[in-house]
Amino acid sequence: MKPKVAGIVLLIGSLYYLIAEAISATFFNASLFNTYVFHTISELGIPNGNSPLFWLMNSAFILIGLALLFAVFYKFRDCIVKNNVVIYVFTAITSLGVIIVGLIHGGNPLTLGYHAMGAVMAILGGNILLVLISRSMEDFEKYQKATLILGIIGLAAFWIMFFSMGSIYMPVYERLSVYPLIVWSFLTGTFLLLNNNSH
């Protein structure tokens, strides 16, 4: 039962995130293409005229953070055979970071630093978490290999983004660094549903 519950929570969290971003981007004050290419995810969560559905985007941040925290500590931790404490720490860092991003938007100069800190915790912490998970399970099969690839893609995109803050395409690098965790959440939700006896 636990794998099913954790799997469903991750599937709901990941799908809600993708759908919420798509809807928020659709109503953003720019074309859908321009929003995804030239505007960061964080901009979708700023409460102003450009993003009338800011609350929807922020709710997606909070939900995926809570989903990750719940799934790992409720069931997925049983799949880990080594590096347990480190994985728990990075899970907490990642989840807390995403929740901070959802609660503290980037449009206020007084709180921008906290928002940026949350983003780094979520993106960098999340992709490190994926790499750790891939090497901390009993086997190294398709699921673990896919997890490792997602983590590497996310880390590479994060560093490209970090050194391309002035680029007009920075939002693209940002999404490439964020989406691996969302895809992994969906993948893991499916993995848990299909492996009810996973330990």
N, C-alpha and C. Protein backbone atom coordinates (compact mmCIF):
# COMPACT_ATOMS: atom_id res chain seq x y z
N MET A 1 0.82 -1.21 0.00
CA MET A 1 0.00 0.00 0.00
C MET A 1 0.86 1.27 0.00
N LYS A 2 1.93 1.25 0.81
CA LYS A 2 2.80 2.42 0.90
C LYS A 2 3.36 2.84 -0.46
N PRO A 3 3.87 1.88 -1.27
CA PRO A 3 4.40 2.29 -2.58
C PRO A 3 3.35 2.96 -3.45
N LYS A 4 2.10 2.45 -3.40
CA LYS A 4 1.04 3.04 -4.21
C LYS A 4 0.74 4.47 -3.77
N VAL A 5 0.65 4.67 -2.46
CA VAL A 5 0.35 6.01 -1.95
C VAL A 5 1.46 6.99 -2.33
N ALA A 6 2.71 6.59 -2.08
CA ALA A 6 3.84 7.46 -2.41
C ALA A 6 3.92 7.72 -3.91
N GLY A 7 3.65 6.68 -4.70
CA GLY A 7 3.69 6.83 -6.15
C GLY A 7 2.63 7.79 -6.66
N ILE A 8 1.42 7.66 -6.13
CA ILE A 8 0.33 8.54 -6.55
C ILE A 8 0.63 9.98 -6.16
N VAL A 9 1.19 10.19 -4.96
CA VAL A 9 1.53 11.54 -4.51
C VAL A 9 2.54 12.18 -5.46
N LEU A 10 3.57 11.43 -5.85
CA LEU A 10 4.58 11.96 -6.77
C LEU A 10 4.00 12.23 -8.16
N LEU A 11 3.15 11.34 -8.63
CA LEU A 11 2.53 11.55 -9.95
C LEU A 11 1.65 12.80 -9.93
N ILE A 12 0.86 12.96 -8.89
CA ILE A 12 0.00 14.14 -8.78
C ILE A 12 0.86 15.40 -8.70
N GLY A 13 1.91 15.37 -7.87
CA GLY A 13 2.77 16.54 -7.72
C GLY A 13 3.44 16.96 -9.01
N SER A 14 3.98 15.98 -9.76
CA SER A 14 4.69 16.30 -10.99
C SER A 14 3.74 16.76 -12.09
N LEU A 15 2.61 16.10 -12.23
CA LEU A 15 1.65 16.49 -13.27
C LEU A 15 1.03 17.84 -12.95
N TYR A 16 0.73 18.06 -11.67
CA TYR A 16 0.17 19.36 -11.28
C TYR A 16 1.16 20.47 -11.60
N TYR A 17 2.43 20.23 -11.33
CA TYR A 17 3.45 21.25 -11.61
C TYR A 17 3.47 21.61 -13.10
N LEU A 18 3.55 20.59 -13.96
CA LEU A 18 3.64 20.84 -15.40
C LEU A 18 2.39 21.53 -15.93
N ILE A 19 1.22 21.08 -15.46
CA ILE A 19 -0.04 21.67 -15.91
C ILE A 19 -0.17 23.10 -15.39
N ALA A 20 0.19 23.32 -14.12
CA ALA A 20 0.09 24.65 -13.53
C ALA A 20 1.03 25.63 -14.23
N GLU A 21 2.23 25.18 -14.56
CA GLU A 21 3.15 26.07 -15.28
C GLU A 21 2.61 26.41 -16.66
N ALA A 22 2.09 25.41 -17.36
CA ALA A 22 1.55 25.63 -18.70
C ALA A 22 0.38 26.61 -18.67
N ILE A 23 -0.52 26.45 -17.70
CA ILE A 23 -1.66 27.36 -17.60
C ILE A 23 -1.20 28.77 -17.22
N SER A 24 -0.29 28.85 -16.25
CA SER A 24 0.23 30.17 -15.83
C SER A 24 0.93 30.86 -16.99
N ALA A 25 1.68 30.08 -17.77
CA ALA A 25 2.39 30.64 -18.93
C ALA A 25 1.43 31.10 -20.01
N THR A 26 0.32 30.38 -20.16
CA THR A 26 -0.68 30.75 -21.16
C THR A 26 -1.30 32.11 -20.86
N PHE A 27 -1.48 32.41 -19.57
CA PHE A 27 -2.10 33.67 -19.19
C PHE A 27 -1.07 34.76 -18.85
N PHE A 28 0.22 34.45 -19.02
CA PHE A 28 1.26 35.43 -18.77
C PHE A 28 1.20 36.51 -19.85
N ASN A 29 1.71 37.68 -19.53
CA ASN A 29 1.64 38.82 -20.44
C ASN A 29 2.69 38.73 -21.54
N ALA A 30 2.66 37.64 -22.29
CA ALA A 30 3.56 37.40 -23.42
C ALA A 30 3.04 36.17 -24.15
N SER A 31 3.51 35.96 -25.36
CA SER A 31 3.08 34.75 -26.07
C SER A 31 3.61 33.53 -25.33
N LEU A 32 2.99 32.40 -25.56
CA LEU A 32 3.40 31.17 -24.87
C LEU A 32 4.86 30.83 -25.17
N PHE A 33 5.25 30.99 -26.43
CA PHE A 33 6.63 30.70 -26.83
C PHE A 33 7.61 31.63 -26.11
N ASN A 34 7.31 32.92 -26.13
CA ASN A 34 8.19 33.89 -25.49
C ASN A 34 8.26 33.69 -23.98
N THR A 35 7.15 33.27 -23.39
CA THR A 35 7.13 33.05 -21.95
C THR A 35 8.09 31.93 -21.56
N TYR A 36 8.04 30.84 -22.31
CA TYR A 36 8.89 29.70 -21.99
C TYR A 36 10.37 29.96 -22.33
N VAL A 37 10.62 30.77 -23.34
CA VAL A 37 12.01 30.98 -23.79
C VAL A 37 12.66 32.18 -23.10
N PHE A 38 11.89 33.25 -22.88
CA PHE A 38 12.50 34.50 -22.41
C PHE A 38 12.09 34.92 -21.00
N HIS A 39 11.22 34.15 -20.34
CA HIS A 39 10.78 34.50 -18.99
C HIS A 39 11.00 33.31 -18.05
N THR A 40 11.59 33.58 -16.91
CA THR A 40 11.91 32.51 -15.97
C THR A 40 10.64 31.94 -15.32
N ILE A 41 10.79 30.76 -14.74
CA ILE A 41 9.68 30.15 -14.03
C ILE A 41 9.27 31.04 -12.86
N SER A 42 10.27 31.63 -12.20
CA SER A 42 9.99 32.48 -11.05
C SER A 42 9.09 33.67 -11.41
N GLU A 43 9.23 34.18 -12.63
CA GLU A 43 8.41 35.31 -13.05
C GLU A 43 6.93 34.94 -13.06
N LEU A 44 6.64 33.67 -13.31
CA LEU A 44 5.25 33.22 -13.32
C LEU A 44 4.64 33.28 -11.93
N GLY A 45 5.50 33.31 -10.91
CA GLY A 45 5.01 33.32 -9.54
C GLY A 45 4.99 34.68 -8.89
N ILE A 46 5.35 35.72 -9.63
CA ILE A 46 5.36 37.08 -9.06
C ILE A 46 3.96 37.69 -9.18
N PRO A 47 3.40 38.12 -8.06
CA PRO A 47 2.03 38.69 -8.09
C PRO A 47 1.99 40.09 -8.69
N ASN A 48 1.88 40.17 -10.00
CA ASN A 48 1.72 41.45 -10.67
C ASN A 48 0.88 41.24 -11.93
N GLY A 49 0.73 42.29 -12.70
CA GLY A 49 -0.12 42.23 -13.89
C GLY A 49 0.39 41.29 -14.96
N ASN A 50 1.68 41.01 -14.96
CA ASN A 50 2.23 40.12 -15.98
C ASN A 50 1.79 38.67 -15.77
N SER A 51 1.57 38.30 -14.51
CA SER A 51 1.22 36.91 -14.21
C SER A 51 -0.03 36.85 -13.33
N PRO A 52 -1.20 36.94 -13.93
CA PRO A 52 -2.44 36.95 -13.15
C PRO A 52 -2.68 35.65 -12.37
N LEU A 53 -2.06 34.55 -12.82
CA LEU A 53 -2.25 33.27 -12.13
C LEU A 53 -1.01 32.91 -11.31
N PHE A 54 -0.37 33.93 -10.73
CA PHE A 54 0.83 33.71 -9.93
C PHE A 54 0.60 32.70 -8.81
N TRP A 55 -0.59 32.73 -8.22
CA TRP A 55 -0.92 31.84 -7.11
C TRP A 55 -0.91 30.37 -7.55
N LEU A 56 -1.27 30.13 -8.81
CA LEU A 56 -1.28 28.76 -9.33
C LEU A 56 0.14 28.22 -9.44
N MET A 57 1.05 29.05 -9.96
CA MET A 57 2.44 28.64 -10.10
C MET A 57 3.07 28.41 -8.73
N ASN A 58 2.79 29.31 -7.81
CA ASN A 58 3.36 29.16 -6.47
C ASN A 58 2.81 27.93 -5.75
N SER A 59 1.55 27.62 -6.00
CA SER A 59 0.98 26.41 -5.38
C SER A 59 1.66 25.17 -5.93
N ALA A 60 2.08 25.22 -7.20
CA ALA A 60 2.77 24.07 -7.80
C ALA A 60 4.14 23.87 -7.16
N PHE A 61 4.86 24.96 -6.88
CA PHE A 61 6.14 24.85 -6.19
C PHE A 61 5.96 24.17 -4.84
N ILE A 62 4.98 24.65 -4.09
CA ILE A 62 4.76 24.13 -2.74
C ILE A 62 4.35 22.66 -2.78
N LEU A 63 3.47 22.31 -3.72
CA LEU A 63 2.97 20.94 -3.80
C LEU A 63 4.07 19.96 -4.18
N ILE A 64 4.91 20.31 -5.16
CA ILE A 64 5.96 19.36 -5.56
C ILE A 64 6.98 19.21 -4.45
N GLY A 65 7.23 20.28 -3.68
CA GLY A 65 8.14 20.18 -2.54
C GLY A 65 7.59 19.24 -1.47
N LEU A 66 6.32 19.39 -1.15
CA LEU A 66 5.69 18.53 -0.15
C LEU A 66 5.58 17.09 -0.64
N ALA A 67 5.30 16.92 -1.94
CA ALA A 67 5.19 15.57 -2.52
C ALA A 67 6.52 14.83 -2.42
N LEU A 68 7.61 15.52 -2.74
CA LEU A 68 8.94 14.92 -2.68
C LEU A 68 9.26 14.53 -1.24
N LEU A 69 9.03 15.43 -0.32
CA LEU A 69 9.33 15.18 1.09
C LEU A 69 8.53 13.98 1.61
N PHE A 70 7.24 13.96 1.29
CA PHE A 70 6.39 12.88 1.76
C PHE A 70 6.81 11.54 1.16
N ALA A 71 6.99 11.51 -0.15
CA ALA A 71 7.26 10.24 -0.83
C ALA A 71 8.57 9.61 -0.37
N VAL A 72 9.61 10.43 -0.22
CA VAL A 72 10.91 9.89 0.18
C VAL A 72 10.86 9.34 1.60
N PHE A 73 10.31 10.11 2.52
CA PHE A 73 10.31 9.68 3.92
C PHE A 73 9.22 8.66 4.24
N TYR A 74 8.18 8.62 3.42
CA TYR A 74 7.09 7.68 3.66
C TYR A 74 7.40 6.30 3.09
N LYS A 75 8.03 6.25 1.91
CA LYS A 75 8.27 4.96 1.29
C LYS A 75 9.59 4.85 0.54
N PHE A 76 9.94 5.86 -0.26
CA PHE A 76 11.07 5.68 -1.17
C PHE A 76 12.37 5.42 -0.42
N ARG A 77 12.47 5.86 0.82
CA ARG A 77 13.69 5.62 1.60
C ARG A 77 13.96 4.12 1.75
N ASP A 78 12.92 3.29 1.63
CA ASP A 78 13.10 1.84 1.73
C ASP A 78 13.86 1.27 0.53
N CYS A 79 13.92 2.05 -0.54
CA CYS A 79 14.64 1.61 -1.74
C CYS A 79 16.13 1.92 -1.66
N ILE A 80 16.51 2.72 -0.68
CA ILE A 80 17.90 3.17 -0.55
C ILE A 80 18.67 2.20 0.35
N VAL A 81 19.83 1.76 -0.10
CA VAL A 81 20.61 0.80 0.68
C VAL A 81 21.89 1.41 1.25
N LYS A 82 22.26 2.61 0.81
CA LYS A 82 23.44 3.27 1.36
C LYS A 82 23.28 4.78 1.20
N ASN A 83 24.13 5.54 1.87
CA ASN A 83 24.09 7.01 1.83
C ASN A 83 22.75 7.56 2.34
N ASN A 84 22.11 6.81 3.24
CA ASN A 84 20.76 7.19 3.68
C ASN A 84 20.69 8.59 4.27
N VAL A 85 21.59 8.88 5.21
CA VAL A 85 21.53 10.17 5.90
C VAL A 85 21.75 11.32 4.91
N VAL A 86 22.71 11.16 4.01
CA VAL A 86 22.99 12.20 3.02
C VAL A 86 21.77 12.43 2.13
N ILE A 87 21.12 11.36 1.74
CA ILE A 87 19.93 11.48 0.89
C ILE A 87 18.79 12.15 1.64
N TYR A 88 18.62 11.83 2.92
CA TYR A 88 17.59 12.50 3.71
C TYR A 88 17.86 14.00 3.80
N VAL A 89 19.13 14.35 3.99
CA VAL A 89 19.51 15.76 4.10
C VAL A 89 19.22 16.50 2.80
N PHE A 90 19.62 15.91 1.66
CA PHE A 90 19.40 16.57 0.38
C PHE A 90 17.93 16.58 -0.01
N THR A 91 17.18 15.59 0.43
CA THR A 91 15.74 15.62 0.20
C THR A 91 15.11 16.80 0.95
N ALA A 92 15.52 16.98 2.19
CA ALA A 92 15.00 18.09 3.00
C ALA A 92 15.41 19.44 2.40
N ILE A 93 16.68 19.54 1.97
CA ILE A 93 17.17 20.79 1.37
C ILE A 93 16.37 21.12 0.10
N THR A 94 16.21 20.11 -0.76
CA THR A 94 15.49 20.31 -2.02
C THR A 94 14.04 20.70 -1.78
N SER A 95 13.36 19.96 -0.93
CA SER A 95 11.95 20.22 -0.66
C SER A 95 11.76 21.60 -0.04
N LEU A 96 12.58 21.91 0.94
CA LEU A 96 12.47 23.22 1.59
C LEU A 96 12.75 24.34 0.59
N GLY A 97 13.72 24.12 -0.29
CA GLY A 97 14.05 25.13 -1.30
C GLY A 97 12.89 25.42 -2.23
N VAL A 98 12.24 24.36 -2.70
CA VAL A 98 11.10 24.55 -3.61
C VAL A 98 9.95 25.26 -2.89
N ILE A 99 9.72 24.89 -1.65
CA ILE A 99 8.65 25.52 -0.88
C ILE A 99 8.95 27.00 -0.64
N ILE A 100 10.22 27.32 -0.35
CA ILE A 100 10.62 28.73 -0.19
C ILE A 100 10.34 29.52 -1.46
N VAL A 101 10.66 28.93 -2.62
CA VAL A 101 10.41 29.59 -3.90
C VAL A 101 8.92 29.89 -4.06
N GLY A 102 8.08 28.95 -3.60
CA GLY A 102 6.63 29.14 -3.72
C GLY A 102 6.07 30.16 -2.74
N LEU A 103 6.72 30.28 -1.58
CA LEU A 103 6.22 31.19 -0.55
C LEU A 103 6.79 32.60 -0.66
N ILE A 104 8.02 32.71 -1.16
CA ILE A 104 8.70 34.00 -1.25
C ILE A 104 9.02 34.28 -2.71
N HIS A 105 8.29 35.18 -3.34
CA HIS A 105 8.48 35.42 -4.78
C HIS A 105 9.69 36.31 -5.03
N GLY A 106 10.13 36.31 -6.28
CA GLY A 106 11.36 37.02 -6.64
C GLY A 106 11.17 38.47 -7.04
N GLY A 107 9.96 38.98 -6.96
CA GLY A 107 9.72 40.34 -7.41
C GLY A 107 9.94 41.41 -6.37
N ASN A 108 10.16 41.02 -5.14
CA ASN A 108 10.36 41.97 -4.05
C ASN A 108 11.85 42.08 -3.72
N PRO A 109 12.46 43.27 -3.89
CA PRO A 109 13.90 43.42 -3.61
C PRO A 109 14.28 43.04 -2.18
N LEU A 110 13.34 43.18 -1.24
CA LEU A 110 13.62 42.88 0.16
C LEU A 110 13.71 41.37 0.42
N THR A 111 13.04 40.57 -0.41
CA THR A 111 13.03 39.12 -0.19
C THR A 111 13.68 38.35 -1.34
N LEU A 112 14.23 39.07 -2.31
CA LEU A 112 14.81 38.41 -3.48
C LEU A 112 15.92 37.44 -3.10
N GLY A 113 16.72 37.81 -2.09
CA GLY A 113 17.81 36.95 -1.67
C GLY A 113 17.33 35.61 -1.15
N TYR A 114 16.22 35.63 -0.40
CA TYR A 114 15.66 34.39 0.13
C TYR A 114 15.11 33.52 -1.01
N HIS A 115 14.49 34.19 -1.98
CA HIS A 115 13.96 33.47 -3.13
C HIS A 115 15.10 32.80 -3.90
N ALA A 116 16.18 33.55 -4.13
CA ALA A 116 17.33 33.00 -4.85
C ALA A 116 17.95 31.84 -4.08
N MET A 117 18.04 31.97 -2.77
CA MET A 117 18.57 30.89 -1.94
C MET A 117 17.70 29.64 -2.08
N GLY A 118 16.39 29.82 -2.05
CA GLY A 118 15.48 28.70 -2.22
C GLY A 118 15.65 28.03 -3.58
N ALA A 119 15.84 28.85 -4.61
CA ALA A 119 16.02 28.31 -5.97
C ALA A 119 17.28 27.47 -6.06
N VAL A 120 18.37 27.95 -5.47
CA VAL A 120 19.63 27.19 -5.50
C VAL A 120 19.48 25.89 -4.71
N MET A 121 18.83 25.97 -3.55
CA MET A 121 18.59 24.76 -2.75
C MET A 121 17.80 23.74 -3.55
N ALA A 122 16.78 24.21 -4.27
CA ALA A 122 15.90 23.32 -5.01
C ALA A 122 16.59 22.73 -6.24
N ILE A 123 17.24 23.59 -7.02
CA ILE A 123 17.80 23.14 -8.29
C ILE A 123 19.10 22.37 -8.10
N LEU A 124 20.06 23.00 -7.43
CA LEU A 124 21.35 22.34 -7.22
C LEU A 124 21.17 21.13 -6.29
N GLY A 125 20.45 21.35 -5.18
CA GLY A 125 20.22 20.26 -4.25
C GLY A 125 19.46 19.12 -4.88
N GLY A 126 18.45 19.44 -5.69
CA GLY A 126 17.64 18.41 -6.32
C GLY A 126 18.41 17.55 -7.29
N ASN A 127 19.26 18.15 -8.09
CA ASN A 127 20.01 17.38 -9.08
C ASN A 127 21.13 16.56 -8.43
N ILE A 128 21.73 17.10 -7.38
CA ILE A 128 22.69 16.30 -6.61
C ILE A 128 21.98 15.11 -5.99
N LEU A 129 20.77 15.34 -5.50
CA LEU A 129 19.97 14.27 -4.91
C LEU A 129 19.74 13.15 -5.92
N LEU A 130 19.43 13.49 -7.15
CA LEU A 130 19.19 12.46 -8.17
C LEU A 130 20.43 11.62 -8.41
N VAL A 131 21.59 12.26 -8.50
CA VAL A 131 22.84 11.53 -8.71
C VAL A 131 23.10 10.59 -7.54
N LEU A 132 22.88 11.09 -6.33
CA LEU A 132 23.09 10.27 -5.13
C LEU A 132 22.15 9.06 -5.11
N ILE A 133 20.88 9.31 -5.42
CA ILE A 133 19.90 8.23 -5.41
C ILE A 133 20.28 7.14 -6.41
N SER A 134 20.72 7.55 -7.59
CA SER A 134 21.05 6.59 -8.64
C SER A 134 22.15 5.64 -8.22
N ARG A 135 23.03 6.09 -7.31
CA ARG A 135 24.16 5.27 -6.88
C ARG A 135 23.96 4.69 -5.49
N SER A 136 22.76 4.84 -4.94
CA SER A 136 22.53 4.40 -3.56
C SER A 136 21.47 3.32 -3.44
N MET A 137 21.05 2.78 -4.59
CA MET A 137 20.07 1.71 -4.58
C MET A 137 20.77 0.37 -4.80
N GLU A 138 20.06 -0.70 -4.55
CA GLU A 138 20.68 -2.03 -4.59
C GLU A 138 21.16 -2.39 -5.99
N ASP A 139 20.36 -2.06 -6.99
CA ASP A 139 20.71 -2.38 -8.37
C ASP A 139 21.02 -1.11 -9.16
N PHE A 140 21.59 -1.28 -10.34
CA PHE A 140 21.82 -0.14 -11.23
C PHE A 140 21.22 -0.51 -12.59
N GLU A 141 19.90 -0.47 -12.61
CA GLU A 141 19.17 -0.88 -13.81
C GLU A 141 18.60 0.35 -14.51
N LYS A 142 17.58 0.14 -15.34
CA LYS A 142 17.08 1.23 -16.18
C LYS A 142 16.62 2.43 -15.37
N TYR A 143 15.88 2.19 -14.29
CA TYR A 143 15.39 3.30 -13.48
C TYR A 143 16.55 4.10 -12.89
N GLN A 144 17.53 3.40 -12.33
CA GLN A 144 18.67 4.08 -11.71
C GLN A 144 19.50 4.82 -12.76
N LYS A 145 19.66 4.22 -13.92
CA LYS A 145 20.42 4.88 -15.00
C LYS A 145 19.69 6.14 -15.48
N ALA A 146 18.38 6.05 -15.60
CA ALA A 146 17.60 7.22 -16.02
C ALA A 146 17.70 8.32 -14.97
N THR A 147 17.70 7.94 -13.69
CA THR A 147 17.84 8.92 -12.60
C THR A 147 19.19 9.62 -12.68
N LEU A 148 20.24 8.85 -12.93
CA LEU A 148 21.58 9.42 -13.04
C LEU A 148 21.67 10.39 -14.22
N ILE A 149 21.12 9.99 -15.36
CA ILE A 149 21.16 10.85 -16.56
C ILE A 149 20.41 12.16 -16.30
N LEU A 150 19.25 12.06 -15.66
CA LEU A 150 18.48 13.27 -15.34
C LEU A 150 19.27 14.19 -14.42
N GLY A 151 19.94 13.62 -13.42
CA GLY A 151 20.73 14.43 -12.51
C GLY A 151 21.89 15.12 -13.20
N ILE A 152 22.55 14.41 -14.09
CA ILE A 152 23.68 14.99 -14.82
C ILE A 152 23.21 16.12 -15.74
N ILE A 153 22.10 15.88 -16.43
CA ILE A 153 21.54 16.93 -17.30
C ILE A 153 21.20 18.16 -16.47
N GLY A 154 20.56 17.95 -15.33
CA GLY A 154 20.18 19.07 -14.47
C GLY A 154 21.37 19.84 -13.94
N LEU A 155 22.41 19.13 -13.52
CA LEU A 155 23.62 19.80 -13.01
C LEU A 155 24.32 20.59 -14.11
N ALA A 156 24.42 19.99 -15.31
CA ALA A 156 25.06 20.68 -16.43
C ALA A 156 24.29 21.95 -16.79
N ALA A 157 22.96 21.84 -16.83
CA ALA A 157 22.13 23.00 -17.16
C ALA A 157 22.23 24.08 -16.08
N PHE A 158 22.33 23.65 -14.83
CA PHE A 158 22.45 24.61 -13.73
C PHE A 158 23.72 25.44 -13.87
N TRP A 159 24.84 24.80 -14.17
CA TRP A 159 26.10 25.53 -14.27
C TRP A 159 26.12 26.42 -15.52
N ILE A 160 25.49 25.97 -16.60
CA ILE A 160 25.38 26.82 -17.79
C ILE A 160 24.54 28.05 -17.44
N MET A 161 23.43 27.82 -16.73
CA MET A 161 22.57 28.93 -16.31
C MET A 161 23.33 29.88 -15.39
N PHE A 162 24.10 29.32 -14.45
CA PHE A 162 24.83 30.13 -13.47
C PHE A 162 25.78 31.10 -14.15
N PHE A 163 26.41 30.65 -15.23
CA PHE A 163 27.38 31.50 -15.93
C PHE A 163 26.76 32.22 -17.13
N SER A 164 25.42 32.16 -17.24
CA SER A 164 24.73 32.81 -18.36
C SER A 164 23.59 33.69 -17.87
N MET A 165 23.75 34.27 -16.69
CA MET A 165 22.67 35.07 -16.11
C MET A 165 22.29 36.26 -16.99
N GLY A 166 23.23 36.75 -17.77
CA GLY A 166 22.95 37.89 -18.62
C GLY A 166 22.39 37.51 -19.98
N SER A 167 22.32 36.23 -20.26
CA SER A 167 21.83 35.76 -21.56
C SER A 167 20.31 35.85 -21.64
N ILE A 168 19.80 36.20 -22.81
CA ILE A 168 18.35 36.25 -22.99
C ILE A 168 17.75 34.84 -22.94
N TYR A 169 18.61 33.83 -23.11
CA TYR A 169 18.13 32.45 -23.09
C TYR A 169 18.31 31.78 -21.73
N MET A 170 18.64 32.57 -20.72
CA MET A 170 18.81 32.02 -19.38
C MET A 170 17.59 31.24 -18.91
N PRO A 171 16.34 31.71 -19.20
CA PRO A 171 15.17 30.94 -18.78
C PRO A 171 15.13 29.52 -19.36
N VAL A 172 15.71 29.34 -20.54
CA VAL A 172 15.76 27.99 -21.13
C VAL A 172 16.65 27.09 -20.29
N TYR A 173 17.83 27.61 -19.92
CA TYR A 173 18.75 26.84 -19.08
C TYR A 173 18.12 26.56 -17.72
N GLU A 174 17.38 27.55 -17.22
CA GLU A 174 16.71 27.36 -15.93
C GLU A 174 15.75 26.19 -16.00
N ARG A 175 14.93 26.15 -17.03
CA ARG A 175 13.95 25.07 -17.15
C ARG A 175 14.64 23.72 -17.36
N LEU A 176 15.74 23.72 -18.10
CA LEU A 176 16.47 22.46 -18.29
C LEU A 176 17.09 21.96 -16.99
N SER A 177 17.32 22.87 -16.05
CA SER A 177 17.87 22.46 -14.76
C SER A 177 16.78 22.08 -13.76
N VAL A 178 15.57 22.59 -13.98
CA VAL A 178 14.45 22.30 -13.08
C VAL A 178 13.69 21.04 -13.50
N TYR A 179 13.46 20.87 -14.79
CA TYR A 179 12.62 19.78 -15.27
C TYR A 179 13.13 18.37 -14.92
N PRO A 180 14.46 18.14 -14.82
CA PRO A 180 14.89 16.79 -14.43
C PRO A 180 14.26 16.30 -13.13
N LEU A 181 14.12 17.18 -12.15
CA LEU A 181 13.50 16.78 -10.88
C LEU A 181 12.01 16.48 -11.07
N ILE A 182 11.35 17.26 -11.93
CA ILE A 182 9.93 17.04 -12.18
C ILE A 182 9.73 15.72 -12.93
N VAL A 183 10.58 15.49 -13.94
CA VAL A 183 10.50 14.24 -14.71
C VAL A 183 10.80 13.06 -13.79
N TRP A 184 11.81 13.22 -12.92
CA TRP A 184 12.16 12.15 -11.99
C TRP A 184 11.00 11.85 -11.04
N SER A 185 10.30 12.87 -10.61
CA SER A 185 9.15 12.66 -9.72
C SER A 185 8.09 11.82 -10.41
N PHE A 186 7.83 12.12 -11.68
CA PHE A 186 6.86 11.34 -12.45
C PHE A 186 7.37 9.91 -12.64
N LEU A 187 8.65 9.79 -13.01
CA LEU A 187 9.27 8.48 -13.22
C LEU A 187 9.22 7.64 -11.95
N THR A 188 9.53 8.28 -10.83
CA THR A 188 9.55 7.56 -9.55
C THR A 188 8.15 7.18 -9.10
N GLY A 189 7.19 8.05 -9.36
CA GLY A 189 5.81 7.71 -9.05
C GLY A 189 5.38 6.46 -9.80
N THR A 190 5.75 6.40 -11.08
CA THR A 190 5.44 5.21 -11.90
C THR A 190 6.19 4.00 -11.38
N PHE A 191 7.47 4.19 -11.04
CA PHE A 191 8.32 3.12 -10.51
C PHE A 191 7.71 2.52 -9.25
N LEU A 192 7.24 3.35 -8.35
CA LEU A 192 6.66 2.87 -7.10
C LEU A 192 5.33 2.14 -7.33
N LEU A 193 4.56 2.62 -8.29
CA LEU A 193 3.28 1.97 -8.58
C LEU A 193 3.48 0.59 -9.21
N LEU A 194 4.54 0.47 -10.01
CA LEU A 194 4.80 -0.80 -10.70
C LEU A 194 5.61 -1.77 -9.86
N ASN A 195 6.19 -1.27 -8.78
CA ASN A 195 7.02 -2.11 -7.91
C ASN A 195 6.49 -2.04 -6.49
N ASN A 196 5.32 -2.60 -6.30
CA ASN A 196 4.66 -2.52 -4.99
C ASN A 196 5.43 -3.21 -3.89
N ASN A 197 6.31 -4.12 -4.28
CA ASN A 197 7.09 -4.84 -3.26
C ASN A 197 8.51 -4.32 -3.16
N SER A 198 8.79 -3.09 -3.75
CA SER A 198 10.13 -2.55 -3.72
C SER A 198 10.53 -2.26 -2.29
N HIS A 199 11.82 -2.47 -1.96
CA HIS A 199 12.33 -2.24 -0.61
C HIS A 199 13.42 -1.20 -0.63
